[in-house]
Amino acid sequence: MAQTQAYHRGKPGVGHLRSELVTYGLLGALAIGLLAAAFTDLRRRQIDNWLNAAIAVAAPAFWWASGLALWPDVALQFGVAAAAFVILAVLFALKMMGGGDVKLLTALALWIQPPHFLFLVIVMSMIGGLLTIVFGAWHVARRQTGRIAIPYGVAIASAALLTVYAKSLPALQAGALPGAHLG
């Protein structure tokens, strides 16, 4: 009996398990949203506003389930999202990026931990470069003229999924995220 009590001391309770299930459920919903964004961008070269809004609006539920504190955790998420929006809006104004891409990356900045957001951007750039080469080669092979429309939402979604998989899931499993207690 004493060993059982000692073993369970400091272990998460049922409330933590529910929170962890909600966290994983929200990450699953994010993954579905990212796949939808990639698919629609590939098919129509457009990422729908309602999808970007849903991703952004669901972030506070993820913060709550992950146990993020309003200060400094949530404030940092907002800060990174605001900085990302300003930088990406400039790229949009220079016609270097689509509006849906700007909104998707800004929404993702609300989900991805600030130290991992740079990882997402670097991976996105590498995947985007590869996409550009592939679509450019296809454009030349088909002897098309005019501007090439690169579905950068595919690169953003892929990088976000890789970032969540590589950075957030191991941290959740190890209990390294605030409020995360998976064992």
Foldseek 3Di string as FASTA:
>chain_A
DVVVVVVCVVADDPVLVVLVVQLVVLVVVVLVLLVVQLVCCVVPVDGDPVSLVVLLVCLVSNCVSLQPDVPPFQVVLLVQLVVLLVVVVVCVVVVNDDPRVSSNLSSVSSHAGVVLSVQLVVQLVVVQVVQCVVQVVVCVVVPHDDDGRGSSSNSNSVSSVVSCVPPVPVCLCVVVGNSRRHD
